[in-house]
Structures are given as C-alpha cells and as structure tokens.
Amino acid sequence: MVALAVGAVLYVMLITQTAGGHYITFTALTPPWNIALKVGSLEAFMAALFSIIGFMIVWASCSMIEHDVEEKKIPLYDFMINVLLATLCGVVFFDNLINVYVFIELSSFCAAGIVIIKNQPENIRAGLKYLTLSILGSGLVLMGVVIL
C-alpha cells in the first residue's frame, strides 16, 4: 500500500518537474480563505520522503508490533500511522496556514497516540508530555502568526 503511494508521489514528482507544478483550488474564495493544494517538485519530493520513511517505519514495526502492542490494538496502531503520514503530506501540500495548522495539530495527536498505545506507564507519561509540549508550541506559533 505504501509502495503504491511512493510510486504515485514519484510519478507526480516527474510530472511536476516537467510541467512546473500544479495549483488545485477547491473553493471559489480568494486567498487566504481558499482551500488550495500546491503540487510542485519540492512538495512531491517531501511527500516521497515522508512516504519512504513511513514505509520503513511500518516495515520495522511488523516484527516488533506483537511484543509492544496488544493484539486488539494493532489495527488502531496501523490507522494512526497512516493518519500521521497523511497529515504530514497535508502539511506539505496545503497552501493555507489554517489548514497547515490543523494538520500539524492532527499529527501531534496521532504521534502521541502512537506512543500511548503501548499501554505502559512510562509510555503514557511520555505521550502526555509530548502532547502537552506540542500543543503549547503550536499555540505559541498561532499567537505569533496572529501578532504578525
């Protein structure tokens, strides 16, 4: 599945390299209120990089997942890994700061959930610390954007 995503992203990268990129708008509003995707060579490269790293994470976790996560929580773990990869690609592709902020928050929740899913006391503490610090950091970034 991830290999298909990598292949698709590499195909998009090849297309955008020759065509100069694409700009896809989903609403008729003007910036900064529109919802738009920008697919250029840099965005395709970053998405391919995230997909390759995600593939390596899933491949490495296949042998260790039975020892760390309960059997009934493995589908939830896989779901959170896929959502994390999708949100990271959303951060790369979206051209609106509001959408980027939402995807950063979603990736923070998914990353904390991946840590917490192991259901050990130290993992729960570490996941909650990470979630607290990431929410604090993204809140400060949001305040900085508003002040500017």
C-alpha atoms as a PDB file:
ATOM      1  CA  MET A   1       0.000   0.000   0.000  1.00  0.00           C
ATOM      2  CA  VAL A   2       2.732   2.437   0.948  1.00  0.00           C
ATOM      3  CA  ALA A   3       4.743   1.349  -2.099  1.00  0.00           C
ATOM      4  CA  LEU A   4       1.812   2.405  -4.269  1.00  0.00           C
ATOM      5  CA  ALA A   5       1.786   5.789  -2.548  1.00  0.00           C
ATOM      6  CA  VAL A   6       5.528   6.168  -3.122  1.00  0.00           C
ATOM      7  CA  GLY A   7       5.089   5.273  -6.770  1.00  0.00           C
ATOM      8  CA  ALA A   8       2.245   7.755  -7.167  1.00  0.00           C
ATOM      9  CA  VAL A   9       4.214  10.517  -5.496  1.00  0.00           C
ATOM     10  CA  LEU A  10       7.250   9.812  -7.658  1.00  0.00           C
ATOM     11  CA  TYR A  11       5.001   9.939 -10.725  1.00  0.00           C
ATOM     12  CA  VAL A  12       3.599  13.289  -9.612  1.00  0.00           C
ATOM     13  CA  MET A  13       7.161  14.456  -8.997  1.00  0.00           C
ATOM     14  CA  LEU A  14       8.122  13.511 -12.537  1.00  0.00           C
ATOM     15  CA  ILE A  15       5.077  15.271 -13.985  1.00  0.00           C
ATOM     16  CA  THR A  16       5.575  18.443 -11.975  1.00  0.00           C
ATOM     17  CA  GLN A  17       9.277  18.539 -12.771  1.00  0.00           C
ATOM     18  CA  THR A  18       8.482  18.886 -16.445  1.00  0.00           C
ATOM     19  CA  ALA A  19       5.302  20.966 -16.168  1.00  0.00           C
ATOM     20  CA  GLY A  20       6.370  23.449 -13.471  1.00  0.00           C
ATOM     21  CA  GLY A  21       3.832  22.342 -10.872  1.00  0.00           C
ATOM     22  CA  HIS A  22       0.079  22.444 -10.373  1.00  0.00           C
ATOM     23  CA  TYR A  23      -2.150  24.588  -8.201  1.00  0.00           C
ATOM     24  CA  ILE A  24      -5.508  22.997  -7.330  1.00  0.00           C
ATOM     25  CA  THR A  25      -8.210  25.179  -5.726  1.00  0.00           C
ATOM     26  CA  PHE A  26     -11.211  23.590  -4.010  1.00  0.00           C
ATOM     27  CA  THR A  27     -13.215  26.754  -3.236  1.00  0.00           C
ATOM     28  CA  ALA A  28     -14.060  29.922  -5.136  1.00  0.00           C
ATOM     29  CA  LEU A  29     -12.794  32.136  -2.335  1.00  0.00           C
ATOM     30  CA  THR A  30      -9.715  34.305  -2.638  1.00  0.00           C
ATOM     31  CA  PRO A  31      -6.545  33.771  -0.612  1.00  0.00           C
ATOM     32  CA  PRO A  32      -6.105  33.435   2.363  1.00  0.00           C
ATOM     33  CA  TRP A  33      -9.614  31.984   2.745  1.00  0.00           C
ATOM     34  CA  ASN A  34      -9.405  29.443  -0.050  1.00  0.00           C
ATOM     35  CA  ILE A  35      -8.533  25.773   0.245  1.00  0.00           C
ATOM     36  CA  ALA A  36      -5.812  25.003  -2.254  1.00  0.00           C
ATOM     37  CA  LEU A  37      -3.177  22.383  -2.913  1.00  0.00           C
ATOM     38  CA  LYS A  38       0.151  23.227  -4.473  1.00  0.00           C
ATOM     39  CA  VAL A  39       1.945  20.322  -6.096  1.00  0.00           C
ATOM     40  CA  GLY A  40       5.417  21.205  -7.246  1.00  0.00           C
ATOM     41  CA  SER A  41       8.680  19.339  -7.379  1.00  0.00           C
ATOM     42  CA  LEU A  42       9.627  20.281  -3.790  1.00  0.00           C
ATOM     43  CA  GLU A  43       6.241  19.195  -2.437  1.00  0.00           C
ATOM     44  CA  ALA A  44       6.422  15.919  -4.350  1.00  0.00           C
ATOM     45  CA  PHE A  45       9.943  15.292  -3.062  1.00  0.00           C
ATOM     46  CA  MET A  46       8.898  15.922   0.556  1.00  0.00           C
ATOM     47  CA  ALA A  47       5.842  13.674   0.194  1.00  0.00           C
ATOM     48  CA  ALA A  48       8.023  10.948  -1.323  1.00  0.00           C
ATOM     49  CA  LEU A  49      10.455  11.342   1.573  1.00  0.00           C
ATOM     50  CA  PHE A  50       7.633  11.058   4.132  1.00  0.00           C
ATOM     51  CA  SER A  51       6.238   8.012   2.305  1.00  0.00           C
ATOM     52  CA  ILE A  52       9.606   6.255   2.203  1.00  0.00           C
ATOM     53  CA  ILE A  53      10.230   6.938   5.898  1.00  0.00           C
ATOM     54  CA  GLY A  54       6.687   5.778   6.691  1.00  0.00           C
ATOM     55  CA  PHE A  55       7.259   2.588   4.714  1.00  0.00           C
ATOM     56  CA  MET A  56      10.448   1.922   6.690  1.00  0.00           C
ATOM     57  CA  ILE A  57       8.598   2.556   9.976  1.00  0.00           C
ATOM     58  CA  VAL A  58       5.816   0.143   9.066  1.00  0.00           C
ATOM     59  CA  TRP A  59       8.306  -2.450   7.827  1.00  0.00           C
ATOM     60  CA  ALA A  60      10.385  -2.242  11.007  1.00  0.00           C
ATOM     61  CA  SER A  61       7.322  -2.355  13.244  1.00  0.00           C
ATOM     62  CA  CYS A  62       5.959  -5.531  11.615  1.00  0.00           C
ATOM     63  CA  SER A  63       8.379  -7.701  13.572  1.00  0.00           C
ATOM     64  CA  MET A  64       8.090  -5.810  16.861  1.00  0.00           C
ATOM     65  CA  ILE A  65       4.407  -4.902  16.979  1.00  0.00           C
ATOM     66  CA  GLU A  66       3.238  -8.162  18.580  1.00  0.00           C
ATOM     67  CA  HIS A  67       5.580  -7.628  21.541  1.00  0.00           C
ATOM     68  CA  ASP A  68       4.714  -3.980  22.180  1.00  0.00           C
ATOM     69  CA  VAL A  69       1.018  -3.605  21.372  1.00  0.00           C
ATOM     70  CA  GLU A  70      -1.953  -5.739  22.377  1.00  0.00           C
ATOM     71  CA  GLU A  71      -3.461  -7.818  19.574  1.00  0.00           C
ATOM     72  CA  LYS A  72      -6.760  -5.908  19.529  1.00  0.00           C
ATOM     73  CA  LYS A  73      -4.987  -2.525  19.254  1.00  0.00           C
ATOM     74  CA  ILE A  74      -2.824  -3.357  16.215  1.00  0.00           C
ATOM     75  CA  PRO A  75      -5.427  -2.066  13.683  1.00  0.00           C
ATOM     76  CA  LEU A  76      -5.635   1.187  15.660  1.00  0.00           C
ATOM     77  CA  TYR A  77      -1.831   1.456  15.578  1.00  0.00           C
ATOM     78  CA  ASP A  78      -1.816   0.947  11.789  1.00  0.00           C
ATOM     79  CA  PHE A  79      -4.597   3.503  11.393  1.00  0.00           C
ATOM     80  CA  MET A  80      -2.698   6.095  13.426  1.00  0.00           C
ATOM     81  CA  ILE A  81       0.493   5.521  11.408  1.00  0.00           C
ATOM     82  CA  ASN A  82      -1.450   6.083   8.173  1.00  0.00           C
ATOM     83  CA  VAL A  83      -3.182   9.190   9.525  1.00  0.00           C
ATOM     84  CA  LEU A  84       0.180  10.547  10.705  1.00  0.00           C
ATOM     85  CA  LEU A  85       1.653  10.086   7.227  1.00  0.00           C
ATOM     86  CA  ALA A  86      -1.422  11.666   5.633  1.00  0.00           C
ATOM     87  CA  THR A  87      -1.255  14.696   7.925  1.00  0.00           C
ATOM     88  CA  LEU A  88       2.441  15.165   7.218  1.00  0.00           C
ATOM     89  CA  CYS A  89       1.689  15.117   3.492  1.00  0.00           C
ATOM     90  CA  GLY A  90      -1.173  17.565   4.146  1.00  0.00           C
ATOM     91  CA  VAL A  91       1.256  19.957   5.803  1.00  0.00           C
ATOM     92  CA  VAL A  92       3.418  19.785   2.689  1.00  0.00           C
ATOM     93  CA  PHE A  93       0.679  20.156   0.058  1.00  0.00           C
ATOM     94  CA  PHE A  94      -1.813  22.668   1.502  1.00  0.00           C
ATOM     95  CA  ASP A  95      -1.277  26.327   0.711  1.00  0.00           C
ATOM     96  CA  ASN A  96      -3.302  27.817   3.574  1.00  0.00           C
ATOM     97  CA  LEU A  97      -1.893  28.462   7.058  1.00  0.00           C
ATOM     98  CA  ILE A  98      -5.161  27.487   8.749  1.00  0.00           C
ATOM     99  CA  ASN A  99      -5.145  24.064   7.082  1.00  0.00           C
ATOM    100  CA  VAL A 100      -1.446  23.612   7.810  1.00  0.00           C
ATOM    101  CA  TYR A 101      -2.096  24.410  11.478  1.00  0.00           C
ATOM    102  CA  VAL A 102      -4.935  21.865  11.615  1.00  0.00           C
ATOM    103  CA  PHE A 103      -2.724  19.190  10.056  1.00  0.00           C
ATOM    104  CA  ILE A 104       0.093  19.958  12.494  1.00  0.00           C
ATOM    105  CA  GLU A 105      -2.337  19.527  15.397  1.00  0.00           C
ATOM    106  CA  LEU A 106      -3.662  16.253  13.952  1.00  0.00           C
ATOM    107  CA  SER A 107      -0.130  14.939  13.511  1.00  0.00           C
ATOM    108  CA  SER A 108       0.639  15.826  17.140  1.00  0.00           C
ATOM    109  CA  PHE A 109      -2.378  13.870  18.366  1.00  0.00           C
ATOM    110  CA  CYS A 110      -1.525  10.880  16.177  1.00  0.00           C
ATOM    111  CA  ALA A 111       2.118  10.833  17.260  1.00  0.00           C
ATOM    112  CA  ALA A 112       1.103  10.989  20.919  1.00  0.00           C
ATOM    113  CA  GLY A 113      -1.429   8.212  20.322  1.00  0.00           C
ATOM    114  CA  ILE A 114       1.237   6.023  18.737  1.00  0.00           C
ATOM    115  CA  VAL A 115       3.390   6.424  21.838  1.00  0.00           C
ATOM    116  CA  ILE A 116       0.496   5.923  24.284  1.00  0.00           C
ATOM    117  CA  ILE A 117      -0.917   2.823  22.544  1.00  0.00           C
ATOM    118  CA  LYS A 118       1.772   0.612  24.103  1.00  0.00           C
ATOM    119  CA  ASN A 119      -0.130   0.977  27.395  1.00  0.00           C
ATOM    120  CA  GLN A 120       2.904   1.096  29.688  1.00  0.00           C
ATOM    121  CA  PRO A 121       3.061   3.748  32.434  1.00  0.00           C
ATOM    122  CA  GLU A 122       6.229   5.324  31.048  1.00  0.00           C
ATOM    123  CA  ASN A 123       4.733   5.437  27.537  1.00  0.00           C
ATOM    124  CA  ILE A 124       1.588   7.109  28.820  1.00  0.00           C
ATOM    125  CA  ARG A 125       3.633   9.721  30.697  1.00  0.00           C
ATOM    126  CA  ALA A 126       5.879  10.334  27.679  1.00  0.00           C
ATOM    127  CA  GLY A 127       2.906  10.613  25.313  1.00  0.00           C
ATOM    128  CA  LEU A 128       1.111  13.087  27.549  1.00  0.00           C
ATOM    129  CA  LYS A 129       4.280  15.176  27.960  1.00  0.00           C
ATOM    130  CA  TYR A 130       4.752  15.207  24.194  1.00  0.00           C
ATOM    131  CA  LEU A 131       1.120  16.165  23.636  1.00  0.00           C
ATOM    132  CA  THR A 132       1.314  18.954  26.217  1.00  0.00           C
ATOM    133  CA  LEU A 133       4.518  20.409  24.775  1.00  0.00           C
ATOM    134  CA  SER A 134       3.343  20.146  21.161  1.00  0.00           C
ATOM    135  CA  ILE A 135       0.037  21.862  21.949  1.00  0.00           C
ATOM    136  CA  LEU A 136       1.903  24.576  23.861  1.00  0.00           C
ATOM    137  CA  GLY A 137       4.344  25.039  20.977  1.00  0.00           C
ATOM    138  CA  SER A 138       1.678  25.158  18.299  1.00  0.00           C
ATOM    139  CA  GLY A 139      -0.316  27.595  20.418  1.00  0.00           C
ATOM    140  CA  LEU A 140       2.708  29.887  20.585  1.00  0.00           C
ATOM    141  CA  VAL A 141       3.155  29.581  16.819  1.00  0.00           C
ATOM    142  CA  LEU A 142      -0.502  30.511  16.345  1.00  0.00           C
ATOM    143  CA  MET A 143      -0.069  33.529  18.619  1.00  0.00           C
ATOM    144  CA  GLY A 144       2.987  34.582  16.605  1.00  0.00           C
ATOM    145  CA  VAL A 145       1.057  34.324  13.338  1.00  0.00           C
ATOM    146  CA  VAL A 146      -1.797  36.384  14.778  1.00  0.00           C
ATOM    147  CA  ILE A 147       0.573  39.058  16.085  1.00  0.00           C
ATOM    148  CA  LEU A 148       2.281  39.385  12.707  1.00  0.00           C
END
